C-alpha atoms as a PDB file:
ATOM      1  CA  UNK A   1     -12.657   4.610 -26.341  1.00  0.00           C
ATOM      2  CA  UNK A   2     -16.050   5.941 -27.363  1.00  0.00           C
ATOM      3  CA  UNK A   3     -17.371   9.481 -27.680  1.00  0.00           C
ATOM      4  CA  UNK A   4     -19.433   9.128 -24.497  1.00  0.00           C
ATOM      5  CA  UNK A   5     -16.268   8.476 -22.507  1.00  0.00           C
ATOM      6  CA  UNK A   6     -14.541  11.495 -24.079  1.00  0.00           C
ATOM      7  CA  UNK A   7     -17.559  13.641 -23.127  1.00  0.00           C
ATOM      8  CA  UNK A   8     -17.334  12.243 -19.608  1.00  0.00           C
ATOM      9  CA  UNK A   9     -13.680  13.237 -19.363  1.00  0.00           C
ATOM     10  CA  UNK A  10     -14.432  16.785 -20.525  1.00  0.00           C
ATOM     11  CA  UNK A  11     -17.327  17.120 -18.057  1.00  0.00           C
ATOM     12  CA  UNK A  12     -15.196  15.753 -15.228  1.00  0.00           C
ATOM     13  CA  UNK A  13     -12.387  18.184 -16.035  1.00  0.00           C
ATOM     14  CA  UNK A  14     -14.815  21.082 -15.984  1.00  0.00           C
ATOM     15  CA  UNK A  15     -16.138  19.976 -12.602  1.00  0.00           C
ATOM     16  CA  UNK A  16     -12.605  19.554 -11.278  1.00  0.00           C
ATOM     17  CA  UNK A  17     -11.634  23.053 -12.421  1.00  0.00           C
ATOM     18  CA  UNK A  18     -14.739  24.501 -10.774  1.00  0.00           C
ATOM     19  CA  UNK A  19     -13.909  22.721  -7.532  1.00  0.00           C
ATOM     20  CA  UNK A  20     -10.378  24.133  -7.610  1.00  0.00           C
ATOM     21  CA  UNK A  21     -11.771  27.694  -7.398  1.00  0.00           C
ATOM     22  CA  UNK A  22     -13.685  26.983  -4.164  1.00  0.00           C
ATOM     23  CA  UNK A  23     -12.348  27.739  -0.675  1.00  0.00           C
ATOM     24  CA  UNK A  24     -10.127  24.954   0.682  1.00  0.00           C
ATOM     25  CA  UNK A  25     -12.696  23.727   3.207  1.00  0.00           C
ATOM     26  CA  UNK A  26     -15.267  23.272   0.430  1.00  0.00           C
ATOM     27  CA  UNK A  27     -13.045  21.342  -1.970  1.00  0.00           C
ATOM     28  CA  UNK A  28     -14.268  17.820  -2.659  1.00  0.00           C
ATOM     29  CA  UNK A  29     -12.229  15.131  -4.380  1.00  0.00           C
ATOM     30  CA  UNK A  30     -15.123  13.258  -5.957  1.00  0.00           C
ATOM     31  CA  UNK A  31     -14.572  14.534  -9.538  1.00  0.00           C
ATOM     32  CA  UNK A  32     -10.961  13.271  -9.593  1.00  0.00           C
ATOM     33  CA  UNK A  33     -11.926   9.980  -8.003  1.00  0.00           C
ATOM     34  CA  UNK A  34     -14.806   9.606 -10.464  1.00  0.00           C
ATOM     35  CA  UNK A  35     -12.374  10.021 -13.355  1.00  0.00           C
ATOM     36  CA  UNK A  36     -10.167   7.269 -11.951  1.00  0.00           C
ATOM     37  CA  UNK A  37     -13.198   5.033 -11.400  1.00  0.00           C
ATOM     38  CA  UNK A  38     -14.349   5.640 -14.954  1.00  0.00           C
ATOM     39  CA  UNK A  39     -10.945   4.716 -16.331  1.00  0.00           C
ATOM     40  CA  UNK A  40     -10.939   1.563 -14.222  1.00  0.00           C
ATOM     41  CA  UNK A  41     -14.354   0.646 -15.588  1.00  0.00           C
ATOM     42  CA  UNK A  42     -12.991   1.074 -19.113  1.00  0.00           C
ATOM     43  CA  UNK A  43     -10.010  -1.181 -18.303  1.00  0.00           C
ATOM     44  CA  UNK A  44     -12.324  -3.844 -16.869  1.00  0.00           C
ATOM     45  CA  UNK A  45     -14.663  -3.584 -19.863  1.00  0.00           C
ATOM     46  CA  UNK A  46     -11.729  -3.839 -22.295  1.00  0.00           C
ATOM     47  CA  UNK A  47     -10.546  -7.018 -20.564  1.00  0.00           C
ATOM     48  CA  UNK A  48     -14.020  -8.548 -20.533  1.00  0.00           C
ATOM     49  CA  UNK A  49     -14.304  -8.146 -24.308  1.00  0.00           C
ATOM     50  CA  UNK A  50     -11.464 -10.644 -24.658  1.00  0.00           C
ATOM     51  CA  UNK A  51     -12.942 -12.949 -22.024  1.00  0.00           C
ATOM     52  CA  UNK A  52     -10.768 -11.806 -19.116  1.00  0.00           C
ATOM     53  CA  UNK A  53     -12.010 -11.157 -15.591  1.00  0.00           C
ATOM     54  CA  UNK A  54      -9.587  -8.977 -13.660  1.00  0.00           C
ATOM     55  CA  UNK A  55      -9.058  -9.932 -10.024  1.00  0.00           C
ATOM     56  CA  UNK A  56      -8.905  -7.407  -7.176  1.00  0.00           C
ATOM     57  CA  UNK A  57      -5.081  -7.228  -7.219  1.00  0.00           C
ATOM     58  CA  UNK A  58      -4.996  -6.463 -10.934  1.00  0.00           C
ATOM     59  CA  UNK A  59      -7.674  -3.785 -10.510  1.00  0.00           C
ATOM     60  CA  UNK A  60      -5.683  -2.268  -7.661  1.00  0.00           C
ATOM     61  CA  UNK A  61      -2.564  -2.105  -9.834  1.00  0.00           C
ATOM     62  CA  UNK A  62      -4.614  -0.546 -12.640  1.00  0.00           C
ATOM     63  CA  UNK A  63      -5.879   2.165 -10.279  1.00  0.00           C
ATOM     64  CA  UNK A  64      -2.298   2.875  -9.225  1.00  0.00           C
ATOM     65  CA  UNK A  65      -1.185   3.285 -12.838  1.00  0.00           C
ATOM     66  CA  UNK A  66      -4.214   5.454 -13.686  1.00  0.00           C
ATOM     67  CA  UNK A  67      -3.587   7.668 -10.647  1.00  0.00           C
ATOM     68  CA  UNK A  68       0.103   8.124 -11.506  1.00  0.00           C
ATOM     69  CA  UNK A  69      -0.761   8.930 -15.118  1.00  0.00           C
ATOM     70  CA  UNK A  70      -3.351  11.477 -14.021  1.00  0.00           C
ATOM     71  CA  UNK A  71      -0.778  13.054 -11.684  1.00  0.00           C
ATOM     72  CA  UNK A  72       1.738  13.306 -14.523  1.00  0.00           C
ATOM     73  CA  UNK A  73      -0.814  14.961 -16.801  1.00  0.00           C
ATOM     74  CA  UNK A  74      -1.814  17.483 -14.148  1.00  0.00           C
ATOM     75  CA  UNK A  75       1.849  18.082 -13.218  1.00  0.00           C
ATOM     76  CA  UNK A  76       2.610  19.048 -16.805  1.00  0.00           C
ATOM     77  CA  UNK A  77      -0.392  21.406 -16.865  1.00  0.00           C
ATOM     78  CA  UNK A  78      -2.180  19.324 -19.506  1.00  0.00           C
ATOM     79  CA  UNK A  79      -5.873  18.436 -19.616  1.00  0.00           C
ATOM     80  CA  UNK A  80      -7.289  15.008 -20.390  1.00  0.00           C
ATOM     81  CA  UNK A  81      -8.955  16.574 -23.422  1.00  0.00           C
ATOM     82  CA  UNK A  82      -5.407  17.131 -24.765  1.00  0.00           C
ATOM     83  CA  UNK A  83      -4.736  13.378 -24.692  1.00  0.00           C
ATOM     84  CA  UNK A  84      -5.591  11.039 -27.568  1.00  0.00           C
ATOM     85  CA  UNK A  85      -6.662   8.257 -25.206  1.00  0.00           C
ATOM     86  CA  UNK A  86      -7.965   5.967 -27.945  1.00  0.00           C
ATOM     87  CA  UNK A  87      -5.208   6.706 -30.449  1.00  0.00           C
ATOM     88  CA  UNK A  88      -2.375   5.703 -28.104  1.00  0.00           C
ATOM     89  CA  UNK A  89      -4.239   2.681 -26.736  1.00  0.00           C
ATOM     90  CA  UNK A  90      -3.940   3.901 -23.160  1.00  0.00           C
ATOM     91  CA  UNK A  91      -6.672   1.607 -21.795  1.00  0.00           C
ATOM     92  CA  UNK A  92      -4.944  -1.404 -23.331  1.00  0.00           C
ATOM     93  CA  UNK A  93      -1.575  -0.356 -21.895  1.00  0.00           C
ATOM     94  CA  UNK A  94      -2.980   0.020 -18.390  1.00  0.00           C
ATOM     95  CA  UNK A  95      -4.634  -3.383 -18.528  1.00  0.00           C
ATOM     96  CA  UNK A  96      -1.511  -5.110 -19.788  1.00  0.00           C
ATOM     97  CA  UNK A  97       0.864  -3.669 -17.206  1.00  0.00           C
ATOM     98  CA  UNK A  98      -1.590  -4.463 -14.423  1.00  0.00           C
ATOM     99  CA  UNK A  99      -1.969  -8.043 -15.705  1.00  0.00           C
ATOM    100  CA  UNK A 100       1.825  -8.443 -15.648  1.00  0.00           C
ATOM    101  CA  UNK A 101       1.790  -7.557 -11.947  1.00  0.00           C
ATOM    102  CA  UNK A 102       3.914  -4.422 -12.295  1.00  0.00           C
ATOM    103  CA  UNK A 103       3.437  -1.395 -10.035  1.00  0.00           C
ATOM    104  CA  UNK A 104       4.607   2.196 -10.315  1.00  0.00           C
ATOM    105  CA  UNK A 105       7.076   1.315  -7.542  1.00  0.00           C
ATOM    106  CA  UNK A 106       8.714  -0.946 -10.129  1.00  0.00           C
ATOM    107  CA  UNK A 107       9.586   2.199 -12.070  1.00  0.00           C
ATOM    108  CA  UNK A 108       6.948   2.505 -14.751  1.00  0.00           C
ATOM    109  CA  UNK A 109       6.591   6.029 -16.060  1.00  0.00           C
ATOM    110  CA  UNK A 110       4.087   7.806 -18.344  1.00  0.00           C
ATOM    111  CA  UNK A 111       5.921   9.227 -21.364  1.00  0.00           C
ATOM    112  CA  UNK A 112       3.779  12.096 -22.704  1.00  0.00           C
ATOM    113  CA  UNK A 113       4.612  13.415 -26.171  1.00  0.00           C
ATOM    114  CA  UNK A 114       2.778  15.541 -28.725  1.00  0.00           C
ATOM    115  CA  UNK A 115       1.714  13.725 -31.882  1.00  0.00           C
ATOM    116  CA  UNK A 116       2.382  15.974 -34.855  1.00  0.00           C
ATOM    117  CA  UNK A 117      -0.270  14.250 -36.952  1.00  0.00           C
ATOM    118  CA  UNK A 118      -3.152  14.577 -34.480  1.00  0.00           C
ATOM    119  CA  UNK A 119      -1.868  17.669 -32.629  1.00  0.00           C
ATOM    120  CA  UNK A 120      -2.810  15.869 -29.423  1.00  0.00           C
ATOM    121  CA  UNK A 121      -0.647  14.141 -26.844  1.00  0.00           C
ATOM    122  CA  UNK A 122       0.063  10.422 -26.796  1.00  0.00           C
ATOM    123  CA  UNK A 123       0.928   8.578 -23.583  1.00  0.00           C
ATOM    124  CA  UNK A 124       3.149   5.530 -23.590  1.00  0.00           C
ATOM    125  CA  UNK A 125       3.562   3.859 -20.199  1.00  0.00           C
ATOM    126  CA  UNK A 126       7.170   2.724 -20.324  1.00  0.00           C
ATOM    127  CA  UNK A 127       9.281   0.451 -18.160  1.00  0.00           C
ATOM    128  CA  UNK A 128      12.667   1.300 -16.735  1.00  0.00           C
ATOM    129  CA  UNK A 129      15.309  -1.355 -16.145  1.00  0.00           C
ATOM    130  CA  UNK A 130      13.979  -2.067 -12.634  1.00  0.00           C
ATOM    131  CA  UNK A 131      10.722  -3.192 -14.249  1.00  0.00           C
ATOM    132  CA  UNK A 132      12.603  -5.705 -16.381  1.00  0.00           C
ATOM    133  CA  UNK A 133      14.373  -7.110 -13.322  1.00  0.00           C
ATOM    134  CA  UNK A 134      11.035  -7.521 -11.537  1.00  0.00           C
ATOM    135  CA  UNK A 135       9.560  -9.409 -14.495  1.00  0.00           C
ATOM    136  CA  UNK A 136      12.557 -11.739 -14.711  1.00  0.00           C
ATOM    137  CA  UNK A 137      12.321 -12.461 -10.976  1.00  0.00           C
ATOM    138  CA  UNK A 138       8.566 -13.097 -11.221  1.00  0.00           C
ATOM    139  CA  UNK A 139       8.510 -15.275 -14.327  1.00  0.00           C
ATOM    140  CA  UNK A 140      11.875 -17.053 -14.667  1.00  0.00           C
ATOM    141  CA  UNK A 141      11.420 -20.803 -14.333  1.00  0.00           C
ATOM    142  CA  UNK A 142      13.985 -21.026 -11.499  1.00  0.00           C
ATOM    143  CA  UNK A 143      14.383 -18.929  -8.358  1.00  0.00           C
ATOM    144  CA  UNK A 144      16.353 -15.732  -9.013  1.00  0.00           C
ATOM    145  CA  UNK A 145      18.256 -14.800  -5.857  1.00  0.00           C
ATOM    146  CA  UNK A 146      20.048 -11.591  -6.822  1.00  0.00           C
ATOM    147  CA  UNK A 147      21.810  -9.632  -9.556  1.00  0.00           C
ATOM    148  CA  UNK A 148      25.394  -8.398  -9.764  1.00  0.00           C
ATOM    149  CA  UNK A 149      26.541  -5.964 -12.426  1.00  0.00           C
ATOM    150  CA  UNK A 150      29.412  -3.697 -13.406  1.00  0.00           C
ATOM    151  CA  UNK A 151      31.008  -1.872 -16.313  1.00  0.00           C
ATOM    152  CA  UNK A 152      34.277  -3.071 -17.812  1.00  0.00           C
ATOM    153  CA  UNK A 153      36.871  -0.356 -18.382  1.00  0.00           C
ATOM    154  CA  UNK A 154      40.218  -0.056 -20.144  1.00  0.00           C
ATOM    155  CA  UNK A 155      42.794  -2.014 -18.141  1.00  0.00           C
ATOM    156  CA  UNK A 156      40.211  -4.236 -16.401  1.00  0.00           C
ATOM    157  CA  UNK A 157      40.545  -8.001 -16.248  1.00  0.00           C
ATOM    158  CA  UNK A 158      37.399 -10.140 -16.078  1.00  0.00           C
ATOM    159  CA  UNK A 159      37.946 -13.821 -15.370  1.00  0.00           C
ATOM    160  CA  UNK A 160      35.286 -16.056 -16.887  1.00  0.00           C
ATOM    161  CA  UNK A 161      35.044 -19.822 -17.100  1.00  0.00           C
ATOM    162  CA  UNK A 162      32.809 -22.118 -19.128  1.00  0.00           C
ATOM    163  CA  UNK A 163      31.036 -24.955 -17.332  1.00  0.00           C
ATOM    164  CA  UNK A 164      30.160 -27.574 -19.939  1.00  0.00           C
ATOM    165  CA  UNK A 165      28.307 -29.668 -17.374  1.00  0.00           C
ATOM    166  CA  UNK A 166      25.659 -26.945 -16.999  1.00  0.00           C
ATOM    167  CA  UNK A 167      26.164 -25.160 -20.325  1.00  0.00           C
ATOM    168  CA  UNK A 168      26.662 -21.913 -18.430  1.00  0.00           C
ATOM    169  CA  UNK A 169      29.529 -19.460 -18.091  1.00  0.00           C
ATOM    170  CA  UNK A 170      30.751 -18.231 -14.721  1.00  0.00           C
ATOM    171  CA  UNK A 171      32.554 -15.010 -13.808  1.00  0.00           C
ATOM    172  CA  UNK A 172      35.100 -15.831 -11.108  1.00  0.00           C
ATOM    173  CA  UNK A 173      36.741 -12.438 -10.682  1.00  0.00           C
ATOM    174  CA  UNK A 174      36.954  -8.844 -11.837  1.00  0.00           C
ATOM    175  CA  UNK A 175      40.170  -6.871 -11.389  1.00  0.00           C
ATOM    176  CA  UNK A 176      39.230  -3.220 -11.832  1.00  0.00           C
ATOM    177  CA  UNK A 177      41.457  -0.430 -13.094  1.00  0.00           C
ATOM    178  CA  UNK A 178      40.709   2.400 -10.683  1.00  0.00           C
ATOM    179  CA  UNK A 179      43.245   4.716 -12.354  1.00  0.00           C
ATOM    180  CA  UNK A 180      40.638   5.732 -14.952  1.00  0.00           C
ATOM    181  CA  UNK A 181      37.299   7.525 -14.662  1.00  0.00           C
ATOM    182  CA  UNK A 182      34.846   4.628 -14.612  1.00  0.00           C
ATOM    183  CA  UNK A 183      31.954   6.952 -15.491  1.00  0.00           C
ATOM    184  CA  UNK A 184      33.562   8.120 -18.757  1.00  0.00           C
ATOM    185  CA  UNK A 185      32.143   6.548 -21.908  1.00  0.00           C
ATOM    186  CA  UNK A 186      35.556   6.666 -23.605  1.00  0.00           C
ATOM    187  CA  UNK A 187      36.970   4.423 -20.863  1.00  0.00           C
ATOM    188  CA  UNK A 188      34.141   1.858 -20.823  1.00  0.00           C
ATOM    189  CA  UNK A 189      34.693  -1.125 -23.110  1.00  0.00           C
ATOM    190  CA  UNK A 190      31.793  -3.323 -22.012  1.00  0.00           C
ATOM    191  CA  UNK A 191      29.611  -4.480 -19.131  1.00  0.00           C
ATOM    192  CA  UNK A 192      28.177  -7.614 -17.581  1.00  0.00           C
ATOM    193  CA  UNK A 193      25.160  -8.633 -15.513  1.00  0.00           C
ATOM    194  CA  UNK A 194      24.934 -11.833 -13.500  1.00  0.00           C
ATOM    195  CA  UNK A 195      21.708 -13.543 -12.487  1.00  0.00           C
ATOM    196  CA  UNK A 196      22.299 -15.804  -9.495  1.00  0.00           C
ATOM    197  CA  UNK A 197      19.791 -18.624  -9.837  1.00  0.00           C
ATOM    198  CA  UNK A 198      19.005 -21.585  -7.582  1.00  0.00           C
ATOM    199  CA  UNK A 199      18.367 -24.776  -9.530  1.00  0.00           C
ATOM    200  CA  UNK A 200      16.131 -27.745  -8.618  1.00  0.00           C
ATOM    201  CA  UNK A 201      18.948 -29.332  -6.617  1.00  0.00           C
ATOM    202  CA  UNK A 202      19.431 -26.208  -4.514  1.00  0.00           C
ATOM    203  CA  UNK A 203      22.699 -25.297  -6.228  1.00  0.00           C
ATOM    204  CA  UNK A 204      23.395 -21.694  -7.223  1.00  0.00           C
ATOM    205  CA  UNK A 205      24.343 -21.030 -10.851  1.00  0.00           C
ATOM    206  CA  UNK A 206      25.247 -17.894 -12.754  1.00  0.00           C
ATOM    207  CA  UNK A 207      23.531 -16.662 -15.879  1.00  0.00           C
ATOM    208  CA  UNK A 208      26.043 -14.204 -17.342  1.00  0.00           C
ATOM    209  CA  UNK A 209      25.103 -11.533 -19.882  1.00  0.00           C
ATOM    210  CA  UNK A 210      27.880  -9.471 -21.441  1.00  0.00           C
ATOM    211  CA  UNK A 211      27.818  -6.527 -23.834  1.00  0.00           C
ATOM    212  CA  UNK A 212      30.681  -4.957 -25.740  1.00  0.00           C
ATOM    213  CA  UNK A 213      31.499  -1.396 -26.807  1.00  0.00           C
ATOM    214  CA  UNK A 214      29.571  -1.800 -30.049  1.00  0.00           C
ATOM    215  CA  UNK A 215      26.364  -2.697 -28.167  1.00  0.00           C
ATOM    216  CA  UNK A 216      26.858   0.250 -25.815  1.00  0.00           C
ATOM    217  CA  UNK A 217      27.282   2.690 -28.702  1.00  0.00           C
ATOM    218  CA  UNK A 218      24.161   1.315 -30.407  1.00  0.00           C
ATOM    219  CA  UNK A 219      22.212   2.200 -27.272  1.00  0.00           C
ATOM    220  CA  UNK A 220      23.852   5.607 -27.019  1.00  0.00           C
ATOM    221  CA  UNK A 221      23.203   6.474 -30.666  1.00  0.00           C
ATOM    222  CA  UNK A 222      19.580   5.321 -30.403  1.00  0.00           C
ATOM    223  CA  UNK A 223      18.891   7.552 -27.390  1.00  0.00           C
ATOM    224  CA  UNK A 224      17.130  10.904 -27.645  1.00  0.00           C
ATOM    225  CA  UNK A 225      18.899  14.223 -27.103  1.00  0.00           C
ATOM    226  CA  UNK A 226      17.442  14.387 -23.594  1.00  0.00           C
ATOM    227  CA  UNK A 227      18.708  10.890 -22.801  1.00  0.00           C
ATOM    228  CA  UNK A 228      22.171  11.741 -24.142  1.00  0.00           C
ATOM    229  CA  UNK A 229      22.457  14.352 -21.396  1.00  0.00           C
ATOM    230  CA  UNK A 230      21.844  11.590 -18.846  1.00  0.00           C
ATOM    231  CA  UNK A 231      24.405   9.423 -20.647  1.00  0.00           C
ATOM    232  CA  UNK A 232      27.039  12.112 -20.155  1.00  0.00           C
ATOM    233  CA  UNK A 233      26.140  12.758 -16.524  1.00  0.00           C
ATOM    234  CA  UNK A 234      25.698   9.149 -15.408  1.00  0.00           C
ATOM    235  CA  UNK A 235      27.273   6.984 -18.075  1.00  0.00           C
ATOM    236  CA  UNK A 236      27.773   3.970 -15.828  1.00  0.00           C
ATOM    237  CA  UNK A 237      24.079   3.842 -14.932  1.00  0.00           C
ATOM    238  CA  UNK A 238      23.018   4.046 -18.585  1.00  0.00           C
ATOM    239  CA  UNK A 239      25.420   1.268 -19.588  1.00  0.00           C
ATOM    240  CA  UNK A 240      24.080  -0.956 -16.804  1.00  0.00           C
ATOM    241  CA  UNK A 241      20.550  -0.125 -17.922  1.00  0.00           C
ATOM    242  CA  UNK A 242      21.550  -1.333 -21.385  1.00  0.00           C
ATOM    243  CA  UNK A 243      22.957  -4.630 -20.123  1.00  0.00           C
ATOM    244  CA  UNK A 244      19.736  -5.179 -18.153  1.00  0.00           C
ATOM    245  CA  UNK A 245      17.696  -4.851 -21.343  1.00  0.00           C
ATOM    246  CA  UNK A 246      20.116  -7.270 -22.989  1.00  0.00           C
ATOM    247  CA  UNK A 247      19.385  -9.713 -20.159  1.00  0.00           C
ATOM    248  CA  UNK A 248      15.670  -9.501 -20.976  1.00  0.00           C
ATOM    249  CA  UNK A 249      16.452 -10.202 -24.627  1.00  0.00           C
ATOM    250  CA  UNK A 250      19.038 -12.911 -24.017  1.00  0.00           C
ATOM    251  CA  UNK A 251      17.939 -16.167 -25.607  1.00  0.00           C
ATOM    252  CA  UNK A 252      19.122 -18.256 -22.679  1.00  0.00           C
ATOM    253  CA  UNK A 253      16.974 -16.178 -20.312  1.00  0.00           C
ATOM    254  CA  UNK A 254      13.892 -15.734 -22.509  1.00  0.00           C
ATOM    255  CA  UNK A 255      13.804 -19.444 -23.320  1.00  0.00           C
ATOM    256  CA  UNK A 256      13.079 -20.245 -19.688  1.00  0.00           C
ATOM    257  CA  UNK A 257      10.633 -17.485 -18.844  1.00  0.00           C
ATOM    258  CA  UNK A 258       7.292 -19.090 -17.963  1.00  0.00           C
ATOM    259  CA  UNK A 259       4.320 -16.819 -18.487  1.00  0.00           C
ATOM    260  CA  UNK A 260       0.719 -17.886 -17.868  1.00  0.00           C
ATOM    261  CA  UNK A 261      -1.182 -18.280 -21.128  1.00  0.00           C
ATOM    262  CA  UNK A 262      -3.402 -15.300 -20.370  1.00  0.00           C
ATOM    263  CA  UNK A 263      -0.357 -13.038 -19.895  1.00  0.00           C
ATOM    264  CA  UNK A 264       1.691 -13.871 -23.001  1.00  0.00           C
ATOM    265  CA  UNK A 265      -0.464 -11.564 -25.119  1.00  0.00           C
ATOM    266  CA  UNK A 266       0.309  -8.699 -22.733  1.00  0.00           C
ATOM    267  CA  UNK A 267       4.072  -8.874 -23.367  1.00  0.00           C
ATOM    268  CA  UNK A 268       3.733  -6.578 -26.370  1.00  0.00           C
ATOM    269  CA  UNK A 269       3.554  -3.639 -23.982  1.00  0.00           C
ATOM    270  CA  UNK A 270       7.208  -4.378 -23.176  1.00  0.00           C
ATOM    271  CA  UNK A 271       8.287  -5.393 -26.660  1.00  0.00           C
ATOM    272  CA  UNK A 272       7.080  -2.116 -28.165  1.00  0.00           C
ATOM    273  CA  UNK A 273       9.378   0.069 -26.041  1.00  0.00           C
ATOM    274  CA  UNK A 274      12.270   1.907 -27.654  1.00  0.00           C
ATOM    275  CA  UNK A 275      14.815  -0.207 -25.804  1.00  0.00           C
ATOM    276  CA  UNK A 276      13.632  -3.293 -27.661  1.00  0.00           C
ATOM    277  CA  UNK A 277      14.457  -1.675 -31.017  1.00  0.00           C
ATOM    278  CA  UNK A 278      18.140  -2.041 -30.200  1.00  0.00           C
ATOM    279  CA  UNK A 279      17.697  -5.813 -29.945  1.00  0.00           C
ATOM    280  CA  UNK A 280      15.765  -6.864 -33.012  1.00  0.00           C
ATOM    281  CA  UNK A 281      18.017  -9.851 -33.575  1.00  0.00           C
ATOM    282  CA  UNK A 282      17.278 -11.311 -30.135  1.00  0.00           C
ATOM    283  CA  UNK A 283      13.667 -10.206 -29.742  1.00  0.00           C
ATOM    284  CA  UNK A 284      11.293 -13.095 -29.104  1.00  0.00           C
ATOM    285  CA  UNK A 285       7.713 -12.312 -28.181  1.00  0.00           C
ATOM    286  CA  UNK A 286       6.940 -16.000 -28.616  1.00  0.00           C
ATOM    287  CA  UNK A 287       8.493 -18.004 -25.780  1.00  0.00           C
ATOM    288  CA  UNK A 288       8.338 -21.250 -27.743  1.00  0.00           C
ATOM    289  CA  UNK A 289      10.340 -19.639 -30.515  1.00  0.00           C
ATOM    290  CA  UNK A 290      12.970 -18.592 -28.000  1.00  0.00           C
ATOM    291  CA  UNK A 291      13.229 -22.122 -26.663  1.00  0.00           C
ATOM    292  CA  UNK A 292      14.291 -23.279 -30.104  1.00  0.00           C
ATOM    293  CA  UNK A 293      17.149 -20.790 -30.084  1.00  0.00           C
ATOM    294  CA  UNK A 294      18.819 -21.455 -26.734  1.00  0.00           C
ATOM    295  CA  UNK A 295      22.310 -20.044 -26.597  1.00  0.00           C
ATOM    296  CA  UNK A 296      24.583 -19.469 -23.612  1.00  0.00           C
ATOM    297  CA  UNK A 297      25.542 -15.841 -23.094  1.00  0.00           C
ATOM    298  CA  UNK A 298      25.041 -14.076 -19.799  1.00  0.00           C
ATOM    299  CA  UNK A 299      26.301 -10.961 -17.715  1.00  0.00           C
ATOM    300  CA  UNK A 300      26.537  -7.930 -14.415  1.00  0.00           C
ATOM    301  CA  UNK A 301      28.594  -5.339 -10.100  1.00  0.00           C
ATOM    302  CA  UNK A 302      26.741  -4.246  -7.097  1.00  0.00           C
ATOM    303  CA  UNK A 303      24.852  -7.124  -5.548  1.00  0.00           C
ATOM    304  CA  UNK A 304      21.134  -6.435  -5.389  1.00  0.00           C
ATOM    305  CA  UNK A 305      18.909  -8.681  -3.295  1.00  0.00           C
ATOM    306  CA  UNK A 306      15.582  -9.036  -5.037  1.00  0.00           C
ATOM    307  CA  UNK A 307      13.103  -8.315  -2.276  1.00  0.00           C
ATOM    308  CA  UNK A 308       9.780  -6.686  -3.059  1.00  0.00           C
ATOM    309  CA  UNK A 309       6.889  -5.735  -0.849  1.00  0.00           C
ATOM    310  CA  UNK A 310       4.729  -8.491  -2.287  1.00  0.00           C
ATOM    311  CA  UNK A 311       7.387 -11.080  -1.384  1.00  0.00           C
ATOM    312  CA  UNK A 312       7.592  -9.923   2.227  1.00  0.00           C
ATOM    313  CA  UNK A 313       3.868 -10.177   2.837  1.00  0.00           C
END
């Protein structure tokens, strides 16, 4: 990000503030739209420097992310001049998420935090677990039909079988103990997430990912104070979020994710999130490396049909 662009942002903000003081019937939206256009131009220019030409869909997704980020900044009563755009690599982040085909509807969110060293704000566009599910559906080598996931509590019985003909495990039943509070961390001993996948013969297989209490507590201890409040209020959801991230990291899943060559470099925008720090031992940014470490281990309750707007069109 160059000084000219920073000057442009400041000038645009000034114009926007001046417009805001005018009567409602005189308010124009050109300054805000110009800011979004300028950011899009920067994203396109950044891509072109590495030999990439963004198509119309990718540009549209970039505009959506820019607009949502701008809304978050304004909603927190910040100015763009408060943001260290270059320092946090915001242009690069926007380009990478757009290239991956992720929308704000897939639960991306701008995380805005003050940087004590620069005294400005950094923005990290972060994925929630729904984003991870969308990426697995989009890029897994076989057709992903749905997910099923649940927590495992004290007194539960989970019936799992190994299928040596496919090399996969299969959960055949889950007898739940409904005498305990299933949203209490003390009662939760683990969780699982199941990917239902159709193979080349049309048969449906399970990819089962399981986590134990130790993995859950690693996630809990790594969370911020703000996130710990959510853990206490909606423990089950946070545990299932954790098992979803474990699915993304699972070697048997990552080994068969097929990303176009021009997208592999953009995966770092996912790998750099805090959630990935809990999984250093199973973190593979290089798909070929993951393929050399195939290991069966899979897991998840509520059945979720993976239907997105793009699929219905």
